[in-house]
Amino acid sequence: MPANLKDLRTRIKSVKNTQQITKAMKLVSAAKFGRAQNNVLQARPYARALEKLVLKLVSGGREAEAHKLLQSSDSDRVLLLVISSERGLCGGYNSNTIKAAIRAVDELVTAGKKPVVMCIGKKAFQVLSRRPLAGGVKGQKLVTLPQLSQDPAGLLAENEKGVLHLGVQFDKPNFEFAQTVSTAIESAFAAGAVGEVHIVYNQFQSAMTQIPVCEQLLPLKSSVTSATAGGESVLEPSWSDLANSVLPRYLTTRFYQVTLEAIASEHGARMTAMDNATRNAKDMERRLQINYQRARQAAITRELIEIISGAEAL
């Protein structure tokens, strides 16, 4: 067999194997995407209802200004949470998140802030920890969830210009994980270790559309008072008792909702990317098959000509 035919057969086999892998990954992501999408849609009504209640609470005048989660801090340190995936092969999901994080760091540095980047998900950490960011943000450090829970204020104060990686497997977020992280963030904010908390993630729209956004989590007053509460409210029990119970719950619920949006966006992006990869593999296989048949036909024709020429010479 001529060398070019052997090479073509090898390439066709390789493309077929790749096609099988991408098709299997698409099916797995499709199954996970269905569950993740269902989780997002089920969590949204509760999150919206809780946000309406918070809107009424933050319109409480002087009482609202006195709560720790609604007060503006004098610290110029800003915690930037970046949610990415643990694995690649999901199209532009991670690259869009990283670009949004870099833009957010640039804007914070321009505003005179000192950003501390904490990555939830390995892919963003791998890029941001190697790339010098604006304001000298560089370096890398692995932070476990117990470390973050024990002393979040001291941990963030030590890493004023660093990139932290929360060392947890971010595949199946649950409410306990969200509660642990939000409690640590709340403690750091209340202690004055950070003046603001922002989060960068991909907002889920559909399987083909994920929008990278940067939102402010703390202080709550800056992020949830954009809408009008409307009308007077009678709160029972007292405002302070209700705020101490509802506002931390809202912070945890908001962070949990963000993680669900990020996971659904990841599976949707991976499913779309693997579907496109499978189609491209099919097209490549078809083109290689055509080239193989043409090369095989040319080789057969050449051998026939040699045989006929040899017979005529005799």
Protein backbone atom coordinates (compact mmCIF):
# COMPACT_ATOMS: atom_id res chain seq x y z
CA MET A 1 0.00 0.00 0.00
CA PRO A 2 1.42 3.45 -0.89
CA ALA A 3 2.52 5.63 2.00
CA ASN A 4 -0.08 8.34 1.30
CA LEU A 5 -2.93 5.78 1.45
CA LYS A 6 -1.65 4.45 4.75
CA ASP A 7 -1.42 7.97 6.18
CA LEU A 8 -4.96 8.74 5.05
CA ARG A 9 -6.30 5.57 6.68
CA THR A 10 -4.50 6.44 9.90
CA ARG A 11 -5.96 9.95 9.87
CA ILE A 12 -9.47 8.64 9.17
CA LYS A 13 -9.22 6.24 12.10
CA SER A 14 -7.95 9.03 14.35
CA VAL A 15 -10.82 11.33 13.34
CA LYS A 16 -13.36 8.57 13.99
CA ASN A 17 -11.95 8.00 17.47
CA THR A 18 -12.09 11.72 18.19
CA GLN A 19 -15.65 11.81 16.94
CA GLN A 20 -16.66 9.02 19.32
CA ILE A 21 -15.09 10.87 22.26
CA THR A 22 -16.76 14.20 21.47
CA LYS A 23 -20.12 12.50 20.92
CA ALA A 24 -19.86 10.72 24.28
CA MET A 25 -18.91 13.98 26.01
CA LYS A 26 -21.86 15.71 24.38
CA LEU A 27 -24.26 13.04 25.68
CA VAL A 28 -22.82 13.25 29.20
CA SER A 29 -23.01 17.05 29.19
CA ALA A 30 -26.57 16.92 27.86
CA ALA A 31 -27.65 14.74 30.79
CA LYS A 32 -25.88 17.00 33.30
CA PHE A 33 -27.22 20.11 31.57
CA GLY A 34 -30.80 18.93 31.96
CA ARG A 35 -30.39 18.59 35.72
CA ALA A 36 -28.46 21.84 36.05
CA GLN A 37 -31.03 23.78 34.06
CA ASN A 38 -33.82 22.36 36.19
CA ASN A 39 -31.97 23.41 39.35
CA VAL A 40 -31.57 26.97 38.07
CA LEU A 41 -35.22 27.31 37.09
CA GLN A 42 -36.41 25.91 40.42
CA ALA A 43 -34.15 28.18 42.48
CA ARG A 44 -35.01 31.45 40.70
CA PRO A 45 -38.54 32.00 42.14
CA TYR A 46 -37.31 31.67 45.74
CA ALA A 47 -34.33 33.95 45.07
CA ARG A 48 -36.58 36.60 43.52
CA ALA A 49 -39.08 36.43 46.39
CA LEU A 50 -36.27 36.78 48.92
CA GLU A 51 -34.84 39.72 46.99
CA LYS A 52 -38.21 41.50 47.18
CA LEU A 53 -38.19 41.07 50.94
CA VAL A 54 -34.65 42.42 51.13
CA LEU A 55 -35.74 45.44 49.07
CA LYS A 56 -38.29 46.23 51.75
CA LEU A 57 -35.72 45.79 54.48
CA VAL A 58 -33.07 48.04 52.94
CA SER A 59 -35.65 50.81 52.59
CA GLY A 60 -35.87 50.97 56.38
CA GLY A 61 -34.13 54.33 56.66
CA ARG A 62 -31.70 54.83 59.54
CA GLU A 63 -32.14 51.26 60.76
CA ALA A 64 -30.98 49.93 57.38
CA GLU A 65 -27.89 52.13 57.47
CA ALA A 66 -26.86 50.60 60.81
CA HIS A 67 -26.69 46.97 59.67
CA LYS A 68 -23.21 45.57 59.06
CA LEU A 69 -24.02 44.12 55.62
CA LEU A 70 -25.41 47.44 54.40
CA GLN A 71 -22.66 49.71 55.67
CA SER A 72 -19.89 50.93 53.39
CA SER A 73 -16.43 50.11 54.69
CA ASP A 74 -13.41 52.40 54.66
CA SER A 75 -11.16 49.60 53.40
CA ASP A 76 -9.95 49.96 49.82
CA ARG A 77 -9.40 46.19 49.52
CA VAL A 78 -11.91 44.47 47.21
CA LEU A 79 -12.51 40.72 47.08
CA LEU A 80 -13.19 39.52 43.54
CA LEU A 81 -14.70 36.02 43.32
CA VAL A 82 -14.20 34.38 39.91
CA ILE A 83 -16.22 31.25 39.14
CA SER A 84 -14.90 29.04 36.34
CA SER A 85 -14.89 25.32 35.60
CA GLU A 86 -12.65 22.50 36.77
CA ARG A 87 -12.18 21.13 33.23
CA GLY A 88 -11.87 22.54 29.74
CA LEU A 89 -13.43 21.59 26.40
CA CYS A 90 -16.37 23.93 26.96
CA GLY A 91 -15.92 26.47 24.20
CA GLY A 92 -15.42 30.07 25.26
CA TYR A 93 -16.88 29.59 28.74
CA ASN A 94 -13.64 29.92 30.69
CA SER A 95 -11.98 32.43 28.37
CA ASN A 96 -14.98 34.77 28.62
CA THR A 97 -14.95 34.48 32.42
CA ILE A 98 -11.21 35.23 32.57
CA LYS A 99 -11.57 38.24 30.26
CA ALA A 100 -14.40 39.61 32.43
CA ALA A 101 -12.24 39.10 35.54
CA ILE A 102 -9.30 40.94 33.96
CA ARG A 103 -11.58 43.84 33.00
CA ALA A 104 -12.96 43.95 36.54
CA VAL A 105 -9.44 44.05 38.03
CA ASP A 106 -8.46 46.87 35.66
CA GLU A 107 -11.55 48.89 36.62
CA LEU A 108 -10.95 48.39 40.34
CA VAL A 109 -7.31 49.42 40.07
CA THR A 110 -8.30 52.48 38.04
CA ALA A 111 -10.75 53.41 40.80
CA GLY A 112 -7.95 53.24 43.37
CA LYS A 113 -8.95 49.88 44.86
CA LYS A 114 -6.75 46.93 45.84
CA PRO A 115 -8.30 43.77 44.38
CA VAL A 116 -7.79 40.31 45.87
CA VAL A 117 -8.82 37.63 43.38
CA MET A 118 -10.26 34.34 44.66
CA CYS A 119 -10.93 31.67 42.04
CA ILE A 120 -13.58 28.99 42.47
CA GLY A 121 -12.71 26.53 39.73
CA LYS A 122 -9.29 25.48 38.50
CA LYS A 123 -9.24 26.94 34.98
CA ALA A 124 -9.42 30.62 35.94
CA PHE A 125 -6.77 30.10 38.63
CA GLN A 126 -4.37 28.48 36.14
CA VAL A 127 -4.48 31.57 33.93
CA LEU A 128 -4.83 34.41 36.44
CA SER A 129 -2.09 33.09 38.74
CA ARG A 130 0.47 33.16 35.90
CA ARG A 131 -0.56 36.44 34.31
CA PRO A 132 0.46 39.76 35.92
CA LEU A 133 -2.71 41.83 36.36
CA ALA A 134 -3.18 45.55 36.80
CA GLY A 135 -1.96 46.98 40.08
CA GLY A 136 0.61 44.23 40.58
CA VAL A 137 -1.93 41.49 41.28
CA LYS A 138 0.06 38.28 40.92
CA GLY A 139 1.17 35.19 42.76
CA GLN A 140 -0.81 32.13 43.72
CA LYS A 141 -1.97 30.39 46.86
CA LEU A 142 -4.19 27.40 47.52
CA VAL A 143 -6.84 28.00 50.18
CA THR A 144 -8.93 25.18 51.57
CA LEU A 145 -12.49 25.64 52.71
CA PRO A 146 -11.62 25.11 56.41
CA GLN A 147 -8.91 27.78 56.15
CA LEU A 148 -11.36 30.21 54.63
CA SER A 149 -13.89 29.49 57.37
CA GLN A 150 -11.46 29.77 60.29
CA ASP A 151 -9.87 33.15 59.61
CA PRO A 152 -11.20 34.81 56.43
CA ALA A 153 -10.25 38.33 57.52
CA GLY A 154 -6.62 37.41 58.26
CA LEU A 155 -6.34 35.34 55.11
CA LEU A 156 -7.49 38.17 52.86
CA ALA A 157 -5.38 40.73 54.72
CA GLU A 158 -2.23 38.64 54.12
CA ASN A 159 -2.87 38.37 50.38
CA GLU A 160 -3.51 41.96 49.45
CA LYS A 161 -2.33 41.51 45.87
CA GLY A 162 -2.57 37.81 45.20
CA VAL A 163 -4.69 35.23 43.42
CA LEU A 164 -6.24 32.67 45.76
CA HIS A 165 -7.65 29.32 44.74
CA LEU A 166 -10.40 27.82 46.85
CA GLY A 167 -9.28 24.19 46.85
CA VAL A 168 -12.63 22.43 46.48
CA GLN A 169 -14.05 20.31 43.67
CA PHE A 170 -16.48 22.67 42.02
CA ASP A 171 -18.68 20.25 40.09
CA LYS A 172 -21.78 19.78 42.24
CA PRO A 173 -22.45 22.93 44.29
CA ASN A 174 -24.79 22.56 47.23
CA PHE A 175 -26.35 24.92 49.72
CA GLU A 176 -23.92 23.91 52.48
CA PHE A 177 -20.97 24.93 50.30
CA ALA A 178 -22.63 28.24 49.48
CA GLN A 179 -23.39 28.85 53.16
CA THR A 180 -19.80 28.17 54.19
CA VAL A 181 -18.34 30.54 51.60
CA SER A 182 -20.93 33.28 52.19
CA THR A 183 -20.43 33.10 55.97
CA ALA A 184 -16.67 33.50 55.54
CA ILE A 185 -17.20 36.43 53.17
CA GLU A 186 -19.64 38.02 55.60
CA SER A 187 -17.14 37.67 58.46
CA ALA A 188 -14.33 39.23 56.41
CA PHE A 189 -16.57 42.10 55.37
CA ALA A 190 -17.84 42.70 58.91
CA ALA A 191 -14.26 42.70 60.24
CA GLY A 192 -13.23 45.35 57.71
CA ALA A 193 -10.79 43.08 55.86
CA VAL A 194 -12.51 43.98 52.58
CA GLY A 195 -14.61 47.00 51.68
CA GLU A 196 -16.47 45.41 48.79
CA VAL A 197 -17.13 41.94 47.39
CA HIS A 198 -17.68 41.40 43.67
CA ILE A 199 -18.33 38.18 41.79
CA VAL A 200 -17.61 37.26 38.15
CA TYR A 201 -19.56 34.39 36.62
CA ASN A 202 -21.46 33.33 33.50
CA GLN A 203 -25.16 34.10 33.72
CA PHE A 204 -27.23 31.29 32.23
CA GLN A 205 -29.56 32.20 29.37
CA SER A 206 -29.75 29.05 27.26
CA ALA A 207 -27.60 26.15 26.14
CA MET A 208 -26.00 28.38 23.49
CA THR A 209 -25.96 31.69 25.37
CA GLN A 210 -24.01 32.43 28.54
CA ILE A 211 -23.36 36.05 29.51
CA PRO A 212 -20.24 36.84 31.61
CA VAL A 213 -21.20 39.40 34.25
CA CYS A 214 -19.58 41.09 37.23
CA GLU A 215 -21.91 41.86 40.14
CA GLN A 216 -21.42 43.37 43.56
CA LEU A 217 -22.39 41.15 46.48
CA LEU A 218 -21.42 43.40 49.40
CA PRO A 219 -22.39 45.85 50.64
CA LEU A 220 -25.95 44.76 49.92
CA LYS A 221 -27.25 48.30 49.83
CA SER A 222 -25.32 49.04 46.65
CA SER A 223 -26.53 45.94 44.82
CA VAL A 224 -30.20 45.55 45.71
CA THR A 225 -31.57 49.06 46.11
CA SER A 226 -31.60 49.79 42.40
CA ALA A 227 -35.26 48.81 42.28
CA THR A 228 -37.91 50.56 44.34
CA ALA A 229 -39.41 48.80 47.29
CA GLY A 230 -42.75 50.58 46.84
CA GLY A 231 -45.25 51.34 49.60
CA GLU A 232 -44.93 51.21 53.34
CA SER A 233 -44.33 47.89 55.07
CA VAL A 234 -45.17 46.70 58.55
CA LEU A 235 -42.45 44.32 59.71
CA GLU A 236 -42.98 41.79 62.46
CA PRO A 237 -40.91 41.11 64.59
CA SER A 238 -38.60 44.13 64.79
CA TRP A 239 -36.56 45.33 61.83
CA SER A 240 -33.24 44.34 63.41
CA ASP A 241 -34.38 40.79 64.25
CA LEU A 242 -35.74 40.28 60.76
CA ALA A 243 -32.67 41.80 59.09
CA ASN A 244 -30.25 39.66 61.13
CA SER A 245 -32.09 36.58 59.89
CA VAL A 246 -32.95 37.54 56.31
CA LEU A 247 -29.88 39.43 55.06
CA PRO A 248 -27.33 36.62 55.70
CA ARG A 249 -29.83 34.21 54.20
CA TYR A 250 -30.12 36.42 51.14
CA LEU A 251 -26.34 36.56 50.75
CA THR A 252 -26.12 32.75 50.90
CA THR A 253 -29.04 32.31 48.53
CA ARG A 254 -27.58 34.80 46.07
CA PHE A 255 -24.22 33.05 46.06
CA TYR A 256 -25.91 29.67 45.69
CA GLN A 257 -27.96 30.99 42.76
CA VAL A 258 -24.78 32.26 41.12
CA THR A 259 -23.10 28.86 41.45
CA LEU A 260 -26.13 27.15 39.89
CA GLU A 261 -26.08 29.63 37.01
CA ALA A 262 -22.35 29.00 36.49
CA ILE A 263 -22.72 25.20 36.49
CA ALA A 264 -25.65 25.29 34.05
CA SER A 265 -23.70 27.65 31.79
CA GLU A 266 -20.68 25.34 31.86
CA HIS A 267 -22.66 22.23 30.87
CA GLY A 268 -24.54 24.15 28.19
CA ALA A 269 -21.30 25.53 26.76
CA ARG A 270 -19.63 22.10 26.82
CA MET A 271 -22.64 20.43 25.18
CA THR A 272 -22.65 23.03 22.40
CA ALA A 273 -18.87 22.83 21.94
CA MET A 274 -18.87 19.03 21.75
CA ASP A 275 -21.78 19.06 19.31
CA ASN A 276 -19.83 21.43 17.05
CA ALA A 277 -16.71 19.28 17.44
CA THR A 278 -18.64 16.14 16.47
CA ARG A 279 -20.02 17.83 13.35
CA ASN A 280 -16.58 19.10 12.38
CA ALA A 281 -15.16 15.59 12.84
CA LYS A 282 -17.87 14.19 10.55
CA ASP A 283 -17.06 16.77 7.88
CA MET A 284 -13.35 16.07 8.19
CA GLU A 285 -13.94 12.33 7.94
CA ARG A 286 -16.03 12.80 4.80
CA ARG A 287 -13.31 14.91 3.16
CA LEU A 288 -10.62 12.39 4.11
CA GLN A 289 -12.72 9.53 2.73
CA ILE A 290 -13.03 11.37 -0.59
CA ASN A 291 -9.28 11.99 -0.71
CA TYR A 292 -8.63 8.35 0.22
CA GLN A 293 -10.88 7.03 -2.56
CA ARG A 294 -9.29 9.36 -5.08
CA ALA A 295 -5.77 8.33 -4.04
CA ARG A 296 -6.77 4.65 -4.09
CA GLN A 297 -8.30 4.99 -7.56
CA ALA A 298 -5.20 6.76 -8.82
CA ALA A 299 -2.96 4.01 -7.39
CA ILE A 300 -5.06 1.27 -9.03
CA THR A 301 -5.04 3.11 -12.36
CA ARG A 302 -1.27 3.51 -12.16
CA GLU A 303 -0.77 -0.19 -11.45
CA LEU A 304 -3.02 -1.15 -14.39
CA ILE A 305 -1.07 1.10 -16.70
CA GLU A 306 2.19 -0.49 -15.55
CA ILE A 307 0.78 -4.00 -16.11
CA ILE A 308 -0.54 -3.15 -19.59
CA SER A 309 2.72 -1.42 -20.55
CA GLY A 310 4.69 -4.48 -19.43
CA ALA A 311 2.45 -6.83 -21.40
CA GLU A 312 2.79 -4.75 -24.56
CA ALA A 313 6.58 -4.70 -24.17
CA LEU A 314 6.63 -8.50 -24.21
